[in-house]
Protein backbone atom coordinates (compact mmCIF):
# COMPACT_ATOMS: atom_id res chain seq x y z
CA MET A 1 92.51 90.61 -45.05
CA ARG A 2 91.16 87.12 -45.64
CA PHE A 3 93.73 84.33 -45.52
CA THR A 4 93.94 80.56 -45.77
CA LYS A 5 96.65 78.62 -44.01
CA MET A 6 97.71 75.51 -45.93
CA GLN A 7 100.42 72.90 -45.61
CA ALA A 8 102.09 70.36 -47.85
CA ALA A 9 104.37 67.82 -46.16
CA GLY A 10 104.34 70.12 -43.13
CA ASN A 11 105.67 73.11 -45.11
CA ASP A 12 103.05 75.67 -44.03
CA TYR A 13 102.29 79.03 -45.60
CA VAL A 14 99.64 81.70 -45.35
CA TYR A 15 97.85 82.17 -48.69
CA MET A 16 96.11 85.35 -49.80
CA GLU A 17 94.39 86.29 -53.04
CA ALA A 18 95.78 89.32 -54.86
CA LEU A 19 93.76 88.78 -58.01
CA LYS A 20 91.78 92.05 -57.92
CA GLU A 21 94.24 94.34 -56.18
CA PRO A 22 97.81 93.94 -54.90
CA VAL A 23 98.60 93.25 -51.25
CA ALA A 24 100.50 96.18 -49.75
CA HIS A 25 103.94 95.66 -48.20
CA PRO A 26 104.02 91.87 -48.73
CA GLY A 27 107.51 91.45 -47.29
CA GLU A 28 106.61 93.17 -44.03
CA LEU A 29 103.26 91.39 -43.98
CA SER A 30 105.03 88.05 -44.33
CA ARG A 31 107.37 88.85 -41.47
CA ARG A 32 104.50 89.72 -39.15
CA ILE A 33 101.97 87.10 -40.19
CA SER A 34 104.55 84.28 -40.07
CA ASP A 35 105.40 84.92 -36.42
CA ARG A 36 104.23 81.85 -34.51
CA HIS A 37 103.52 83.86 -31.34
CA PHE A 38 102.16 87.21 -32.56
CA GLY A 39 100.89 86.23 -36.03
CA VAL A 40 99.21 83.32 -37.75
CA GLY A 41 102.41 81.28 -37.72
CA SER A 42 103.93 79.91 -40.91
CA ASP A 43 107.06 79.43 -43.00
CA GLY A 44 106.01 82.48 -45.01
CA LEU A 45 103.38 84.16 -47.17
CA ILE A 46 102.25 83.17 -50.67
CA LEU A 47 100.18 85.53 -52.81
CA ILE A 48 97.97 84.27 -55.65
CA CYS A 49 98.10 86.95 -58.34
CA PRO A 50 96.97 87.42 -61.94
CA PRO A 51 99.56 86.27 -64.49
CA SER A 52 101.74 88.72 -66.36
CA ASP A 53 100.43 87.20 -69.61
CA PRO A 54 97.15 85.24 -69.49
CA ALA A 55 98.14 83.51 -72.73
CA VAL A 56 101.15 81.96 -70.99
CA ALA A 57 99.98 81.24 -67.43
CA ASP A 58 96.73 80.91 -65.48
CA PHE A 59 97.96 82.43 -62.21
CA ARG A 60 101.10 83.97 -60.74
CA MET A 61 102.57 83.00 -57.38
CA ARG A 62 104.69 85.28 -55.20
CA MET A 63 106.43 83.65 -52.27
CA PHE A 64 107.85 85.48 -49.24
CA ASN A 65 109.91 83.85 -46.51
CA ALA A 66 109.26 84.35 -42.80
CA ASP A 67 112.01 87.00 -42.70
CA GLY A 68 110.25 89.03 -45.41
CA SER A 69 112.60 88.16 -48.26
CA GLU A 70 111.08 87.08 -51.58
CA SER A 71 112.09 83.72 -53.05
CA GLU A 72 111.82 82.38 -56.55
CA MET A 73 109.79 79.22 -55.96
CA CYS A 74 108.46 76.74 -53.43
CA GLY A 75 107.60 73.23 -54.53
CA ASN A 76 105.33 72.49 -51.58
CA GLY A 77 103.80 75.94 -51.75
CA ILE A 78 102.92 75.68 -55.42
CA ARG A 79 101.03 72.42 -54.80
CA CYS A 80 98.89 74.31 -52.31
CA VAL A 81 98.33 77.06 -54.88
CA GLY A 82 97.00 74.42 -57.27
CA LYS A 83 94.64 73.06 -54.63
CA TYR A 84 93.53 76.57 -53.64
CA VAL A 85 92.59 77.77 -57.11
CA TYR A 86 90.70 74.55 -57.91
CA ASP A 87 88.93 74.06 -54.59
CA ASN A 88 87.84 77.71 -54.48
CA GLY A 89 86.43 77.66 -58.00
CA LEU A 90 89.00 79.98 -59.53
CA THR A 91 89.57 77.37 -62.24
CA ARG A 92 88.02 74.10 -63.37
CA LYS A 93 91.16 73.01 -65.18
CA GLU A 94 93.03 69.96 -63.94
CA SER A 95 96.16 71.14 -65.75
CA VAL A 96 97.21 74.59 -64.53
CA ARG A 97 100.18 76.79 -65.40
CA ILE A 98 101.58 78.90 -62.56
CA GLU A 99 103.99 81.77 -63.15
CA THR A 100 106.86 82.07 -60.64
CA LEU A 101 110.12 83.97 -60.48
CA ALA A 102 111.74 80.66 -61.49
CA GLY A 103 109.58 80.42 -64.61
CA ILE A 104 106.28 78.78 -65.56
CA ARG A 105 105.42 75.56 -63.72
CA LEU A 106 102.83 73.07 -65.01
CA LEU A 107 100.64 71.42 -62.35
CA ARG A 108 98.55 68.29 -62.84
CA LEU A 109 95.78 68.33 -60.25
CA HIS A 110 94.34 65.06 -58.95
CA PRO A 111 90.90 65.79 -57.44
CA GLU A 112 88.73 63.36 -55.50
CA GLY A 113 85.15 64.23 -54.63
CA GLY A 114 85.54 67.75 -55.98
CA LYS A 115 88.65 68.57 -53.94
CA VAL A 116 92.30 68.28 -54.93
CA LYS A 117 94.11 65.58 -52.93
CA THR A 118 97.49 65.39 -54.64
CA VAL A 119 99.36 67.44 -57.21
CA THR A 120 102.13 66.56 -59.65
CA VAL A 121 104.38 69.48 -60.45
CA ASP A 122 106.68 69.73 -63.45
CA MET A 123 109.57 71.39 -61.65
CA GLY A 124 111.44 71.99 -64.89
CA GLU A 125 115.06 71.25 -65.65
CA PRO A 126 117.69 71.41 -62.93
CA ARG A 127 120.39 74.00 -63.38
CA LEU A 128 123.84 72.63 -62.75
CA ALA A 129 126.25 75.30 -64.01
CA PRO A 130 127.78 77.15 -61.02
CA ARG A 131 126.90 80.58 -62.45
CA ASP A 132 123.24 79.57 -62.77
CA ILE A 133 122.79 78.25 -59.22
CA PRO A 134 124.63 80.51 -58.21
CA VAL A 135 127.70 79.13 -56.47
CA SER A 136 131.27 80.37 -56.63
CA GLY A 137 133.17 77.64 -58.41
CA GLU A 138 134.80 76.72 -61.68
CA GLY A 139 133.75 73.97 -64.07
CA GLU A 140 130.51 72.87 -65.68
CA THR A 141 128.99 71.50 -62.46
CA PHE A 142 129.51 71.62 -58.71
CA VAL A 143 129.16 67.96 -57.76
CA ASN A 144 130.50 66.23 -54.65
CA ARG A 145 133.04 68.94 -53.84
CA PRO A 146 134.60 69.43 -50.39
CA LEU A 147 133.51 72.43 -48.35
CA LYS A 148 134.67 73.27 -44.84
CA VAL A 149 131.79 74.42 -42.65
CA GLY A 150 131.65 74.45 -38.85
CA GLY A 151 135.11 72.95 -38.52
CA ARG A 152 134.25 69.93 -40.65
CA VAL A 153 134.69 69.10 -44.33
CA TRP A 154 131.44 68.18 -46.10
CA GLN A 155 130.94 66.84 -49.61
CA VAL A 156 128.53 69.24 -51.28
CA THR A 157 126.57 69.10 -54.53
CA ALA A 158 124.97 72.35 -55.70
CA VAL A 159 121.77 72.36 -57.77
CA SER A 160 119.25 75.04 -58.70
CA MET A 161 115.59 74.22 -59.11
CA GLY A 162 114.90 77.90 -59.70
CA ASN A 163 116.44 78.60 -56.29
CA PRO A 164 119.84 77.52 -54.92
CA HIS A 165 120.38 74.27 -53.03
CA ALA A 166 123.42 72.71 -51.38
CA ILE A 167 122.96 68.96 -50.90
CA VAL A 168 125.00 66.99 -48.37
CA PHE A 169 124.81 63.19 -48.20
CA THR A 170 125.76 62.07 -44.71
CA GLU A 171 124.76 59.75 -41.87
CA GLY A 172 123.04 60.51 -38.60
CA ILE A 173 121.02 63.48 -39.85
CA ASP A 174 118.71 63.21 -36.81
CA ARG A 175 121.66 64.14 -34.60
CA LEU A 176 122.75 67.21 -36.58
CA ASP A 177 122.50 70.58 -34.83
CA LEU A 178 120.78 72.42 -37.70
CA PRO A 179 120.16 75.69 -35.80
CA GLN A 180 123.94 75.95 -35.45
CA LEU A 181 124.96 74.40 -38.76
CA GLY A 182 122.28 75.70 -41.09
CA PRO A 183 123.17 79.40 -40.95
CA LEU A 184 126.84 78.59 -41.61
CA PHE A 185 125.86 76.98 -44.91
CA GLU A 186 123.20 79.58 -45.74
CA HIS A 187 125.59 82.51 -45.37
CA HIS A 188 128.76 80.84 -46.61
CA PRO A 189 130.61 83.12 -49.07
CA LEU A 190 130.49 80.30 -51.63
CA PHE A 191 126.79 81.13 -52.13
CA PRO A 192 126.37 84.77 -53.25
CA ARG A 193 122.57 84.65 -52.92
CA ARG A 194 122.62 82.43 -49.83
CA THR A 195 121.44 78.84 -50.13
CA ASN A 196 118.97 76.23 -48.95
CA THR A 197 120.77 73.22 -47.51
CA GLU A 198 119.57 69.61 -47.56
CA PHE A 199 121.14 66.99 -45.29
CA VAL A 200 120.34 63.56 -46.71
CA GLU A 201 120.65 60.02 -45.39
CA ILE A 202 120.42 57.10 -47.83
CA VAL A 203 117.99 54.31 -46.97
CA ASP A 204 118.38 52.58 -50.33
CA ARG A 205 118.67 53.62 -53.97
CA GLY A 206 114.98 54.49 -54.15
CA HIS A 207 114.47 55.95 -50.68
CA VAL A 208 116.15 58.76 -48.73
CA LYS A 209 115.55 60.73 -45.55
CA MET A 210 116.11 64.48 -45.55
CA ARG A 211 116.28 67.50 -43.26
CA VAL A 212 116.35 70.99 -44.71
CA TRP A 213 117.55 74.41 -43.65
CA GLU A 214 115.79 77.01 -45.81
CA ARG A 215 117.29 80.42 -46.39
CA GLY A 216 115.20 83.05 -44.70
CA ALA A 217 113.08 80.52 -42.80
CA GLY A 218 115.39 78.19 -40.86
CA GLU A 219 114.67 74.50 -40.48
CA THR A 220 111.31 73.59 -41.99
CA LEU A 221 109.40 70.32 -42.08
CA ALA A 222 109.71 70.01 -45.85
CA CYS A 223 110.95 71.67 -49.03
CA GLY A 224 109.68 70.61 -52.46
CA THR A 225 112.42 72.27 -54.51
CA GLY A 226 114.89 70.82 -52.02
CA ALA A 227 113.54 67.29 -52.42
CA SER A 228 113.74 67.75 -56.19
CA ALA A 229 117.34 68.94 -55.92
CA VAL A 230 118.13 65.92 -53.71
CA ALA A 231 116.87 63.53 -56.40
CA VAL A 232 119.08 65.24 -58.98
CA ALA A 233 122.10 65.24 -56.66
CA GLY A 234 121.53 61.60 -55.74
CA ALA A 235 121.58 60.55 -59.39
CA LEU A 236 124.59 62.73 -60.18
CA THR A 237 126.63 61.30 -57.31
CA GLY A 238 125.46 57.71 -57.82
CA HIS A 239 123.73 57.51 -54.46
CA THR A 240 120.22 56.94 -55.85
CA ASP A 241 118.25 56.08 -58.96
CA ARG A 242 116.48 58.82 -60.90
CA LYS A 243 113.19 58.01 -59.16
CA VAL A 244 113.28 58.37 -55.40
CA HIS A 245 110.92 58.46 -52.43
CA VAL A 246 111.90 61.35 -50.13
CA GLU A 247 111.00 61.13 -46.46
CA LEU A 248 110.88 64.52 -44.74
CA LEU A 249 110.04 65.56 -41.20
CA GLY A 250 106.57 66.68 -42.30
CA GLY A 251 105.64 64.05 -44.87
CA GLU A 252 106.74 62.22 -47.99
CA LEU A 253 107.26 63.14 -51.65
CA ASP A 254 107.86 61.12 -54.79
CA ILE A 255 110.42 62.66 -57.14
CA GLU A 256 111.44 61.56 -60.62
CA TRP A 257 114.20 63.11 -62.74
CA ASP A 258 112.97 62.06 -66.17
CA GLU A 259 115.85 61.13 -68.43
CA ALA A 260 114.04 61.80 -71.72
CA SER A 261 112.86 65.34 -70.94
CA ASN A 262 115.47 66.25 -68.29
CA HIS A 263 112.56 67.58 -66.22
CA VAL A 264 111.98 66.83 -62.55
CA PHE A 265 108.47 65.77 -61.50
CA MET A 266 107.27 65.99 -57.91
CA THR A 267 104.08 64.40 -56.56
CA GLY A 268 102.62 65.00 -53.13
CA GLY A 269 99.58 66.11 -51.16
CA ALA A 270 98.29 69.51 -50.06
CA ALA A 271 95.84 70.41 -47.31
CA VAL A 272 93.94 73.33 -45.80
CA VAL A 273 94.67 73.93 -42.11
CA PHE A 274 92.28 76.82 -41.39
CA THR A 275 90.98 80.13 -42.72
CA GLY A 276 90.69 83.49 -40.99
CA ASP A 277 90.89 87.27 -41.13
CA TYR A 278 94.10 89.20 -40.49
CA PRO A 279 93.64 92.84 -39.43
CA GLY A 280 95.04 95.31 -41.96
CA GLU A 281 96.15 97.69 -39.21
CA ALA A 282 98.43 94.96 -37.89
CA LEU A 283 101.04 96.18 -40.37
CA SER A 284 101.47 99.39 -38.40
CA GLU A 285 103.97 99.53 -35.56
CA ALA A 286 101.20 100.46 -33.14
CA ALA A 287 99.35 97.22 -33.85
CA ALA A 288 102.41 94.96 -34.12
CA GLY A 289 101.27 92.84 -31.19
CA GLU A 290 97.84 92.02 -32.56
CA THR A 291 97.23 88.44 -33.58
CA ALA A 292 95.27 86.82 -36.34
CA ASN A 293 91.78 85.51 -35.68
CA GLY A 294 91.58 82.07 -37.30
CA THR A 295 88.52 79.87 -37.69
CA ASP A 296 88.79 76.12 -37.87
CA GLN A 297 87.88 74.42 -41.13
């Protein structure tokens, strides 16, 4: 099975084409291929598939976490999908619609010298009603509410960008023990479908630093939907303006929550790491220890 490993702001996934025939057992494949010792090593697997309706979308993206669970969307991952389909000649369009479980996302590709360098993604409208995130809570929004986690009370704002996010504005994020703290947020009973959690430190009204614990993946170097949710939460709580530069462990993103359209726009880069072949028999228990054979690009 041919694969391409790509990263955007350090959020790395294995990408495979499923345009002619489906990939078997994608959840189990993601679990094995994501292993950083016995597989390729990644935050998960993203499949590039034909759209359900070619009149509505150009391609469909399926995203699987490193634990094999399927998620609705990945902001960094979808930028790589845009680069992949353009750079590999699957489309010549510079405006591409990608179908996801969170809905259709419009990508504006910015090529240089025949290759996509950056991508702007229309992330759609944020969902703020507790039932839509989902989060267990009354009222029209869940903004800056106290939540006791790990023996401490945190002020939490919940936002969905097609997947659930819990945003915490605090200081000293570099000192936080995310391997201990992250799972407590992810599996808190307040979040019936688990949650991604962003810990955010304010630099100024147009600049924040962020660490993220992603459900099903653990701490990752970046999260595009998470950065988008942070911009929304920052504006809602008065911490930031509606346009904010987000500094993540793996890179930087520019996010704007447009007041006129209520849509969130994310701009950032995407890059190929390497390509290779993954043995199909590696899905069997007998071949579980086999590793991928990658070739530098």
